[in-house]
Full PDB file with SEQRES, HELIX, SHEET, SSBOND, CRYST1, ORIGX, SCALE, CONECT and MASTER records, all heavy atoms in Angstrom:
SEQRES   1 A   34  GLN CYS LEU LEU GLU GLU LEU GLU THR MET ASP PHE PRO          
SEQRES   2 A   34  ASP VAL LYS GLY GLN ILE GLN ALA PHE MET HIS THR VAL          
SEQRES   3 A   34  CYS LEU VAL TRP VAL ASN SER ARG                              
HELIX    1 AA1 CYS A    2  THR A    9  1                                   8    
HELIX    2 AA2 PHE A   12  ASN A   32  1                                  21    
CRYST1    1.000    1.000    1.000  90.00  90.00  90.00 P 1           1          
ORIGX1      1.000000  0.000000  0.000000        0.00000                         
ORIGX2      0.000000  1.000000  0.000000        0.00000                         
ORIGX3      0.000000  0.000000  1.000000        0.00000                         
SCALE1      1.000000  0.000000  0.000000        0.00000                         
SCALE2      0.000000  1.000000  0.000000        0.00000                         
SCALE3      0.000000  0.000000  1.000000        0.00000                         
ATOM      1  N   GLN A   1       0.824  -1.215   0.000  1.00  0.00           N  
ATOM      2  CA  GLN A   1       0.000   0.000   0.000  1.00  0.00           C  
ATOM      3  C   GLN A   1       0.856   1.263   0.000  1.00  0.00           C  
ATOM      4  O   GLN A   1       0.660   2.143  -0.837  1.00  0.00           O  
ATOM      5  CB  GLN A   1      -0.942  -0.005   1.213  1.00  0.00           C  
ATOM      6  CG  GLN A   1      -1.879   1.184   1.279  1.00  0.00           C  
ATOM      7  CD  GLN A   1      -2.969   1.107   0.232  1.00  0.00           C  
ATOM      8  OE1 GLN A   1      -3.530   0.053  -0.017  1.00  0.00           O  
ATOM      9  NE2 GLN A   1      -3.276   2.227  -0.380  1.00  0.00           N  
ATOM     10  N   CYS A   2       1.791   1.347   0.904  1.00  0.00           N  
ATOM     11  CA  CYS A   2       2.656   2.544   0.980  1.00  0.00           C  
ATOM     12  C   CYS A   2       3.486   2.717  -0.281  1.00  0.00           C  
ATOM     13  O   CYS A   2       3.616   3.830  -0.797  1.00  0.00           O  
ATOM     14  CB  CYS A   2       3.572   2.462   2.197  1.00  0.00           C  
ATOM     15  SG  CYS A   2       2.704   2.626   3.753  1.00  0.00           S  
ATOM     16  N   LEU A   3       4.035   1.614  -0.770  1.00  0.00           N  
ATOM     17  CA  LEU A   3       4.854   1.681  -1.984  1.00  0.00           C  
ATOM     18  C   LEU A   3       4.013   2.138  -3.175  1.00  0.00           C  
ATOM     19  O   LEU A   3       4.476   2.933  -4.000  1.00  0.00           O  
ATOM     20  CB  LEU A   3       5.486   0.326  -2.276  1.00  0.00           C  
ATOM     21  CG  LEU A   3       6.510  -0.158  -1.251  1.00  0.00           C  
ATOM     22  CD1 LEU A   3       6.885  -1.603  -1.514  1.00  0.00           C  
ATOM     23  CD2 LEU A   3       7.729   0.736  -1.276  1.00  0.00           C  
ATOM     24  N   LEU A   4       2.784   1.652  -3.258  1.00  0.00           N  
ATOM     25  CA  LEU A   4       1.901   2.052  -4.362  1.00  0.00           C  
ATOM     26  C   LEU A   4       1.528   3.526  -4.269  1.00  0.00           C  
ATOM     27  O   LEU A   4       1.476   4.221  -5.279  1.00  0.00           O  
ATOM     28  CB  LEU A   4       0.639   1.193  -4.371  1.00  0.00           C  
ATOM     29  CG  LEU A   4       0.837  -0.205  -4.910  1.00  0.00           C  
ATOM     30  CD1 LEU A   4      -0.393  -1.054  -4.659  1.00  0.00           C  
ATOM     31  CD2 LEU A   4       1.152  -0.165  -6.387  1.00  0.00           C  
ATOM     32  N   GLU A   5       1.257   3.984  -3.062  1.00  0.00           N  
ATOM     33  CA  GLU A   5       0.921   5.397  -2.880  1.00  0.00           C  
ATOM     34  C   GLU A   5       2.082   6.276  -3.328  1.00  0.00           C  
ATOM     35  O   GLU A   5       1.878   7.310  -3.960  1.00  0.00           O  
ATOM     36  CB  GLU A   5       0.534   5.672  -1.432  1.00  0.00           C  
ATOM     37  CG  GLU A   5      -0.825   5.100  -1.071  1.00  0.00           C  
ATOM     38  CD  GLU A   5      -1.143   5.188   0.414  1.00  0.00           C  
ATOM     39  OE1 GLU A   5      -0.337   5.736   1.190  1.00  0.00           O  
ATOM     40  OE2 GLU A   5      -2.214   4.683   0.795  1.00  0.00           O  
ATOM     41  N   GLU A   6       3.292   5.856  -3.015  1.00  0.00           N  
ATOM     42  CA  GLU A   6       4.468   6.611  -3.448  1.00  0.00           C  
ATOM     43  C   GLU A   6       4.600   6.564  -4.972  1.00  0.00           C  
ATOM     44  O   GLU A   6       4.877   7.585  -5.604  1.00  0.00           O  
ATOM     45  CB  GLU A   6       5.729   6.054  -2.791  1.00  0.00           C  
ATOM     46  CG  GLU A   6       5.826   6.351  -1.312  1.00  0.00           C  
ATOM     47  CD  GLU A   6       7.038   5.703  -0.660  1.00  0.00           C  
ATOM     48  OE1 GLU A   6       8.007   5.353  -1.378  1.00  0.00           O  
ATOM     49  OE2 GLU A   6       7.015   5.535   0.568  1.00  0.00           O  
ATOM     50  N   LEU A   7       4.421   5.372  -5.551  1.00  0.00           N  
ATOM     51  CA  LEU A   7       4.504   5.229  -7.009  1.00  0.00           C  
ATOM     52  C   LEU A   7       3.477   6.103  -7.722  1.00  0.00           C  
ATOM     53  O   LEU A   7       3.767   6.707  -8.748  1.00  0.00           O  
ATOM     54  CB  LEU A   7       4.288   3.771  -7.423  1.00  0.00           C  
ATOM     55  CG  LEU A   7       5.478   2.839  -7.374  1.00  0.00           C  
ATOM     56  CD1 LEU A   7       5.055   1.410  -7.683  1.00  0.00           C  
ATOM     57  CD2 LEU A   7       6.560   3.274  -8.350  1.00  0.00           C  
ATOM     58  N   GLU A   8       2.267   6.144  -7.174  1.00  0.00           N  
ATOM     59  CA  GLU A   8       1.186   6.896  -7.811  1.00  0.00           C  
ATOM     60  C   GLU A   8       1.404   8.401  -7.754  1.00  0.00           C  
ATOM     61  O   GLU A   8       0.933   9.126  -8.616  1.00  0.00           O  
ATOM     62  CB  GLU A   8      -0.156   6.542  -7.161  1.00  0.00           C  
ATOM     63  CG  GLU A   8      -0.620   5.133  -7.484  1.00  0.00           C  
ATOM     64  CD  GLU A   8      -1.848   4.710  -6.703  1.00  0.00           C  
ATOM     65  OE1 GLU A   8      -2.179   5.354  -5.693  1.00  0.00           O  
ATOM     66  OE2 GLU A   8      -2.468   3.707  -7.097  1.00  0.00           O  
ATOM     67  N   THR A   9       2.119   8.866  -6.743  1.00  0.00           N  
ATOM     68  CA  THR A   9       2.262  10.313  -6.567  1.00  0.00           C  
ATOM     69  C   THR A   9       3.571  10.877  -7.111  1.00  0.00           C  
ATOM     70  O   THR A   9       3.679  12.083  -7.286  1.00  0.00           O  
ATOM     71  CB  THR A   9       2.153  10.694  -5.069  1.00  0.00           C  
ATOM     72  OG1 THR A   9       3.140   9.989  -4.335  1.00  0.00           O  
ATOM     73  CG2 THR A   9       0.767  10.377  -4.534  1.00  0.00           C  
ATOM     74  N   MET A  10       4.539  10.019  -7.377  1.00  0.00           N  
ATOM     75  CA  MET A  10       5.829  10.562  -7.829  1.00  0.00           C  
ATOM     76  C   MET A  10       5.840  10.796  -9.337  1.00  0.00           C  
ATOM     77  O   MET A  10       5.057  10.209 -10.071  1.00  0.00           O  
ATOM     78  CB  MET A  10       6.988   9.663  -7.393  1.00  0.00           C  
ATOM     79  CG  MET A  10       6.987   8.277  -7.940  1.00  0.00           C  
ATOM     80  SD  MET A  10       8.395   7.250  -7.412  1.00  0.00           S  
ATOM     81  CE  MET A  10       8.615   7.593  -5.720  1.00  0.00           C  
ATOM     82  N   ASP A  11       6.726  11.668  -9.761  1.00  0.00           N  
ATOM     83  CA  ASP A  11       6.910  11.933 -11.183  1.00  0.00           C  
ATOM     84  C   ASP A  11       7.475  10.681 -11.844  1.00  0.00           C  
ATOM     85  O   ASP A  11       8.273   9.946 -11.249  1.00  0.00           O  
ATOM     86  CB  ASP A  11       7.868  13.109 -11.391  1.00  0.00           C  
ATOM     87  CG  ASP A  11       7.268  14.413 -10.888  1.00  0.00           C  
ATOM     88  OD1 ASP A  11       6.032  14.551 -10.930  1.00  0.00           O  
ATOM     89  OD2 ASP A  11       8.051  15.287 -10.447  1.00  0.00           O  
ATOM     90  N   PHE A  12       7.099  10.479 -13.088  1.00  0.00           N  
ATOM     91  CA  PHE A  12       7.485   9.244 -13.773  1.00  0.00           C  
ATOM     92  C   PHE A  12       8.992   8.992 -13.803  1.00  0.00           C  
ATOM     93  O   PHE A  12       9.422   7.859 -13.567  1.00  0.00           O  
ATOM     94  CB  PHE A  12       6.901   9.177 -15.181  1.00  0.00           C  
ATOM     95  CG  PHE A  12       7.157   7.859 -15.833  1.00  0.00           C  
ATOM     96  CD1 PHE A  12       6.506   6.724 -15.401  1.00  0.00           C  
ATOM     97  CD2 PHE A  12       8.082   7.749 -16.859  1.00  0.00           C  
ATOM     98  CE1 PHE A  12       6.764   5.489 -15.972  1.00  0.00           C  
ATOM     99  CE2 PHE A  12       8.349   6.524 -17.439  1.00  0.00           C  
ATOM    100  CZ  PHE A  12       7.677   5.388 -16.998  1.00  0.00           C  
ATOM    101  N   PRO A  13       9.823   9.986 -14.053  1.00  0.00           N  
ATOM    102  CA  PRO A  13      11.268   9.702 -14.066  1.00  0.00           C  
ATOM    103  C   PRO A  13      11.789   9.159 -12.724  1.00  0.00           C  
ATOM    104  O   PRO A  13      12.779   8.432 -12.690  1.00  0.00           O  
ATOM    105  CB  PRO A  13      11.902  11.056 -14.389  1.00  0.00           C  
ATOM    106  CG  PRO A  13      10.836  11.802 -15.112  1.00  0.00           C  
ATOM    107  CD  PRO A  13       9.535  11.354 -14.492  1.00  0.00           C  
ATOM    108  N   ASP A  14      11.102   9.481 -11.640  1.00  0.00           N  
ATOM    109  CA  ASP A  14      11.541   9.029 -10.317  1.00  0.00           C  
ATOM    110  C   ASP A  14      11.059   7.618  -9.985  1.00  0.00           C  
ATOM    111  O   ASP A  14      11.503   7.020  -9.002  1.00  0.00           O  
ATOM    112  CB  ASP A  14      11.041   9.995  -9.241  1.00  0.00           C  
ATOM    113  CG  ASP A  14      11.571  11.407  -9.458  1.00  0.00           C  
ATOM    114  OD1 ASP A  14      12.682  11.538 -10.005  1.00  0.00           O  
ATOM    115  OD2 ASP A  14      10.850  12.366  -9.097  1.00  0.00           O  
ATOM    116  N   VAL A  15      10.150   7.088 -10.782  1.00  0.00           N  
ATOM    117  CA  VAL A  15       9.556   5.770 -10.523  1.00  0.00           C  
ATOM    118  C   VAL A  15      10.603   4.662 -10.589  1.00  0.00           C  
ATOM    119  O   VAL A  15      10.534   3.691  -9.842  1.00  0.00           O  
ATOM    120  CB  VAL A  15       8.395   5.500 -11.514  1.00  0.00           C  
ATOM    121  CG1 VAL A  15       7.959   4.056 -11.484  1.00  0.00           C  
ATOM    122  CG2 VAL A  15       7.223   6.417 -11.214  1.00  0.00           C  
ATOM    123  N   LYS A  16      11.585   4.832 -11.457  1.00  0.00           N  
ATOM    124  CA  LYS A  16      12.595   3.797 -11.661  1.00  0.00           C  
ATOM    125  C   LYS A  16      13.218   3.337 -10.340  1.00  0.00           C  
ATOM    126  O   LYS A  16      13.393   2.141 -10.109  1.00  0.00           O  
ATOM    127  CB  LYS A  16      13.676   4.307 -12.617  1.00  0.00           C  
ATOM    128  CG  LYS A  16      14.730   3.282 -12.946  1.00  0.00           C  
ATOM    129  CD  LYS A  16      15.749   3.851 -13.914  1.00  0.00           C  
ATOM    130  CE  LYS A  16      16.827   2.830 -14.188  1.00  0.00           C  
ATOM    131  NZ  LYS A  16      17.872   3.347 -15.055  1.00  0.00           N  
ATOM    132  N   GLY A  17      13.518   4.256  -9.475  1.00  0.00           N  
ATOM    133  CA  GLY A  17      14.134   3.915  -8.188  1.00  0.00           C  
ATOM    134  C   GLY A  17      13.196   3.178  -7.250  1.00  0.00           C  
ATOM    135  O   GLY A  17      13.647   2.443  -6.367  1.00  0.00           O  
ATOM    136  N   GLN A  18      11.913   3.355  -7.427  1.00  0.00           N  
ATOM    137  CA  GLN A  18      10.925   2.733  -6.542  1.00  0.00           C  
ATOM    138  C   GLN A  18      10.524   1.329  -7.003  1.00  0.00           C  
ATOM    139  O   GLN A  18      10.046   0.532  -6.215  1.00  0.00           O  
ATOM    140  CB  GLN A  18       9.677   3.631  -6.467  1.00  0.00           C  
ATOM    141  CG  GLN A  18       8.752   3.326  -5.341  1.00  0.00           C  
ATOM    142  CD  GLN A  18       9.358   3.644  -3.972  1.00  0.00           C  
ATOM    143  OE1 GLN A  18      10.412   4.270  -3.846  1.00  0.00           O  
ATOM    144  NE2 GLN A  18       8.696   3.194  -2.948  1.00  0.00           N  
ATOM    145  N   ILE A  19      10.745   1.018  -8.264  1.00  0.00           N  
ATOM    146  CA  ILE A  19      10.338  -0.276  -8.821  1.00  0.00           C  
ATOM    147  C   ILE A  19      11.040  -1.438  -8.108  1.00  0.00           C  
ATOM    148  O   ILE A  19      10.424  -2.460  -7.831  1.00  0.00           O  
ATOM    149  CB  ILE A  19      10.609  -0.339 -10.344  1.00  0.00           C  
ATOM    150  CG1 ILE A  19       9.709   0.655 -11.075  1.00  0.00           C  
ATOM    151  CG2 ILE A  19      10.429  -1.740 -10.893  1.00  0.00           C  
ATOM    152  CD1 ILE A  19       8.247   0.309 -11.039  1.00  0.00           C  
ATOM    153  N   GLN A  20      12.315  -1.274  -7.798  1.00  0.00           N  
ATOM    154  CA  GLN A  20      13.052  -2.355  -7.144  1.00  0.00           C  
ATOM    155  C   GLN A  20      12.430  -2.691  -5.787  1.00  0.00           C  
ATOM    156  O   GLN A  20      12.234  -3.864  -5.474  1.00  0.00           O  
ATOM    157  CB  GLN A  20      14.525  -1.985  -6.983  1.00  0.00           C  
ATOM    158  CG  GLN A  20      15.340  -3.119  -6.382  1.00  0.00           C  
ATOM    159  CD  GLN A  20      16.820  -2.779  -6.261  1.00  0.00           C  
ATOM    160  OE1 GLN A  20      17.244  -1.688  -6.601  1.00  0.00           O  
ATOM    161  NE2 GLN A  20      17.594  -3.721  -5.765  1.00  0.00           N  
ATOM    162  N   ALA A  21      12.119  -1.686  -4.986  1.00  0.00           N  
ATOM    163  CA  ALA A  21      11.506  -1.928  -3.677  1.00  0.00           C  
ATOM    164  C   ALA A  21      10.128  -2.576  -3.837  1.00  0.00           C  
ATOM    165  O   ALA A  21       9.772  -3.497  -3.090  1.00  0.00           O  
ATOM    166  CB  ALA A  21      11.384  -0.621  -2.898  1.00  0.00           C  
ATOM    167  N   PHE A  22       9.384  -2.107  -4.823  1.00  0.00           N  
ATOM    168  CA  PHE A  22       8.052  -2.669  -5.074  1.00  0.00           C  
ATOM    169  C   PHE A  22       8.164  -4.147  -5.459  1.00  0.00           C  
ATOM    170  O   PHE A  22       7.472  -5.007  -4.912  1.00  0.00           O  
ATOM    171  CB  PHE A  22       7.337  -1.872  -6.170  1.00  0.00           C  
ATOM    172  CG  PHE A  22       5.975  -2.408  -6.491  1.00  0.00           C  
ATOM    173  CD1 PHE A  22       4.896  -2.099  -5.685  1.00  0.00           C  
ATOM    174  CD2 PHE A  22       5.780  -3.234  -7.591  1.00  0.00           C  
ATOM    175  CE1 PHE A  22       3.631  -2.597  -5.968  1.00  0.00           C  
ATOM    176  CE2 PHE A  22       4.521  -3.744  -7.885  1.00  0.00           C  
ATOM    177  CZ  PHE A  22       3.447  -3.421  -7.076  1.00  0.00           C  
ATOM    178  N   MET A  23       9.052  -4.465  -6.393  1.00  0.00           N  
ATOM    179  CA  MET A  23       9.193  -5.848  -6.856  1.00  0.00           C  
ATOM    180  C   MET A  23       9.748  -6.757  -5.754  1.00  0.00           C  
ATOM    181  O   MET A  23       9.363  -7.926  -5.650  1.00  0.00           O  
ATOM    182  CB  MET A  23      10.080  -5.908  -8.106  1.00  0.00           C  
ATOM    183  CG  MET A  23       9.428  -5.282  -9.328  1.00  0.00           C  
ATOM    184  SD  MET A  23       7.762  -5.934  -9.670  1.00  0.00           S  
ATOM    185  CE  MET A  23       8.146  -7.621 -10.084  1.00  0.00           C  
ATOM    186  N   HIS A  24      10.620  -6.215  -4.923  1.00  0.00           N  
ATOM    187  CA  HIS A  24      11.130  -6.996  -3.788  1.00  0.00           C  
ATOM    188  C   HIS A  24       9.979  -7.350  -2.847  1.00  0.00           C  
ATOM    189  O   HIS A  24       9.889  -8.499  -2.365  1.00  0.00           O  
ATOM    190  CB  HIS A  24      12.219  -6.218  -3.053  1.00  0.00           C  
ATOM    191  CG  HIS A  24      12.781  -6.961  -1.875  1.00  0.00           C  
ATOM    192  ND1 HIS A  24      13.642  -8.033  -2.004  1.00  0.00           N  
ATOM    193  CD2 HIS A  24      12.572  -6.790  -0.546  1.00  0.00           C  
ATOM    194  CE1 HIS A  24      13.942  -8.489  -0.798  1.00  0.00           C  
ATOM    195  NE2 HIS A  24      13.312  -7.754   0.098  1.00  0.00           N  
ATOM    196  N   THR A  25       9.097  -6.407  -2.604  1.00  0.00           N  
ATOM    197  CA  THR A  25       7.944  -6.653  -1.734  1.00  0.00           C  
ATOM    198  C   THR A  25       6.992  -7.663  -2.363  1.00  0.00           C  
ATOM    199  O   THR A  25       6.457  -8.533  -1.673  1.00  0.00           O  
ATOM    200  CB  THR A  25       7.208  -5.324  -1.416  1.00  0.00           C  
ATOM    201  OG1 THR A  25       8.159  -4.400  -0.890  1.00  0.00           O  
ATOM    202  CG2 THR A  25       6.107  -5.536  -0.397  1.00  0.00           C  
ATOM    203  N   VAL A  26       6.799  -7.576  -3.674  1.00  0.00           N  
ATOM    204  CA  VAL A  26       5.968  -8.565  -4.375  1.00  0.00           C  
ATOM    205  C   VAL A  26       6.576  -9.960  -4.219  1.00  0.00           C  
ATOM    206  O   VAL A  26       5.854 -10.931  -3.971  1.00  0.00           O  
ATOM    207  CB  VAL A  26       5.813  -8.195  -5.872  1.00  0.00           C  
ATOM    208  CG1 VAL A  26       5.185  -9.336  -6.654  1.00  0.00           C  
ATOM    209  CG2 VAL A  26       4.969  -6.933  -6.013  1.00  0.00           C  
ATOM    210  N   CYS A  27       7.895 -10.054  -4.315  1.00  0.00           N  
ATOM    211  CA  CYS A  27       8.564 -11.350  -4.119  1.00  0.00           C  
ATOM    212  C   CYS A  27       8.356 -11.872  -2.693  1.00  0.00           C  
ATOM    213  O   CYS A  27       8.156 -13.077  -2.495  1.00  0.00           O  
ATOM    214  CB  CYS A  27      10.056 -11.235  -4.420  1.00  0.00           C  
ATOM    215  SG  CYS A  27      10.414 -11.051  -6.180  1.00  0.00           S  
ATOM    216  N   LEU A  28       8.392 -10.983  -1.721  1.00  0.00           N  
ATOM    217  CA  LEU A  28       8.145 -11.397  -0.336  1.00  0.00           C  
ATOM    218  C   LEU A  28       6.708 -11.899  -0.166  1.00  0.00           C  
ATOM    219  O   LEU A  28       6.467 -12.862   0.575  1.00  0.00           O  
ATOM    220  CB  LEU A  28       8.427 -10.238   0.626  1.00  0.00           C  
ATOM    221  CG  LEU A  28       9.891  -9.875   0.812  1.00  0.00           C  
ATOM    222  CD1 LEU A  28      10.032  -8.613   1.650  1.00  0.00           C  
ATOM    223  CD2 LEU A  28      10.659 -11.034   1.432  1.00  0.00           C  
ATOM    224  N   VAL A  29       5.769 -11.259  -0.835  1.00  0.00           N  
ATOM    225  CA  VAL A  29       4.374 -11.726  -0.807  1.00  0.00           C  
ATOM    226  C   VAL A  29       4.317 -13.136  -1.384  1.00  0.00           C  
ATOM    227  O   VAL A  29       3.706 -14.040  -0.810  1.00  0.00           O  
ATOM    228  CB  VAL A  29       3.441 -10.771  -1.589  1.00  0.00           C  
ATOM    229  CG1 VAL A  29       2.052 -11.373  -1.747  1.00  0.00           C  
ATOM    230  CG2 VAL A  29       3.355  -9.410  -0.903  1.00  0.00           C  
ATOM    231  N   TRP A  30       4.960 -13.335  -2.526  1.00  0.00           N  
ATOM    232  CA  TRP A  30       4.975 -14.640  -3.210  1.00  0.00           C  
ATOM    233  C   TRP A  30       5.536 -15.732  -2.283  1.00  0.00           C  
ATOM    234  O   TRP A  30       4.986 -16.819  -2.192  1.00  0.00           O  
ATOM    235  CB  TRP A  30       5.810 -14.528  -4.478  1.00  0.00           C  
ATOM    236  CG  TRP A  30       6.065 -15.839  -5.161  1.00  0.00           C  
ATOM    237  CD1 TRP A  30       7.144 -16.659  -5.004  1.00  0.00           C  
ATOM    238  CD2 TRP A  30       5.218 -16.487  -6.108  1.00  0.00           C  
ATOM    239  NE1 TRP A  30       7.028 -17.763  -5.790  1.00  0.00           N  
ATOM    240  CE2 TRP A  30       5.849 -17.694  -6.482  1.00  0.00           C  
ATOM    241  CE3 TRP A  30       3.994 -16.165  -6.676  1.00  0.00           C  
ATOM    242  CZ2 TRP A  30       5.295 -18.571  -7.398  1.00  0.00           C  
ATOM    243  CZ3 TRP A  30       3.455 -17.043  -7.610  1.00  0.00           C  
ATOM    244  CH2 TRP A  30       4.096 -18.235  -7.944  1.00  0.00           C  
ATOM    245  N   VAL A  31       6.614 -15.431  -1.600  1.00  0.00           N  
ATOM    246  CA  VAL A  31       7.294 -16.434  -0.774  1.00  0.00           C  
ATOM    247  C   VAL A  31       6.527 -16.719   0.518  1.00  0.00           C  
ATOM    248  O   VAL A  31       6.467 -17.865   0.962  1.00  0.00           O  
ATOM    249  CB  VAL A  31       8.730 -15.970  -0.447  1.00  0.00           C  
ATOM    250  CG1 VAL A  31       9.381 -16.822   0.615  1.00  0.00           C  
ATOM    251  CG2 VAL A  31       9.575 -15.960  -1.702  1.00  0.00           C  
ATOM    252  N   ASN A  32       5.922 -15.704   1.113  1.00  0.00           N  
ATOM    253  CA  ASN A  32       5.360 -15.857   2.453  1.00  0.00           C  
ATOM    254  C   ASN A  32       3.859 -16.121   2.512  1.00  0.00           C  
ATOM    255  O   ASN A  32       3.386 -16.747   3.459  1.00  0.00           O  
ATOM    256  CB  ASN A  32       5.693 -14.625   3.298  1.00  0.00           C  
ATOM    257  CG  ASN A  32       7.176 -14.533   3.559  1.00  0.00           C  
ATOM    258  OD1 ASN A  32       7.770 -15.432   4.135  1.00  0.00           O  
ATOM    259  ND2 ASN A  32       7.799 -13.470   3.095  1.00  0.00           N  
ATOM    260  N   SER A  33       3.101 -15.645   1.573  1.00  0.00           N  
ATOM    261  CA  SER A  33       1.652 -15.825   1.623  1.00  0.00           C  
ATOM    262  C   SER A  33       1.282 -17.253   1.235  1.00  0.00           C  
ATOM    263  O   SER A  33       1.778 -17.792   0.247  1.00  0.00           O  
ATOM    264  CB  SER A  33       0.955 -14.844   0.674  1.00  0.00           C  
ATOM    265  OG  SER A  33      -0.432 -15.116   0.641  1.00  0.00           O  
ATOM    266  N   ARG A  34       0.405 -17.845   2.005  1.00  0.00           N  
ATOM    267  CA  ARG A  34      -0.053 -19.202   1.693  1.00  0.00           C  
ATOM    268  C   ARG A  34      -1.070 -19.197   0.558  1.00  0.00           C  
ATOM    269  O   ARG A  34      -1.293 -20.228  -0.065  1.00  0.00           O  
ATOM    270  CB  ARG A  34      -0.709 -19.847   2.915  1.00  0.00           C  
ATOM    271  CG  ARG A  34       0.258 -20.167   4.035  1.00  0.00           C  
ATOM    272  CD  ARG A  34      -0.467 -20.739   5.224  1.00  0.00           C  
ATOM    273  NE  ARG A  34      -1.454 -19.750   5.669  1.00  0.00           N  
ATOM    274  CZ  ARG A  34      -2.553 -20.033   6.341  1.00  0.00           C  
ATOM    275  NH1 ARG A  34      -2.833 -21.257   6.655  1.00  0.00           N  
ATOM    276  NH2 ARG A  34      -3.381 -19.074   6.707  1.00  0.00           N  
TER     277      ARG A  34                                                      
MASTER        0    0    0    2    0    0    0    6  276    1    0    3          
END                                                                             
């Protein structure tokens, strides 16, 4: 939720730096959620 809110509000050129954190969190969801 927080990562998405940041992605939605930041300027597009700045999104590149946030994608890694977002994808890392998605991977954690994949590994931990049953």
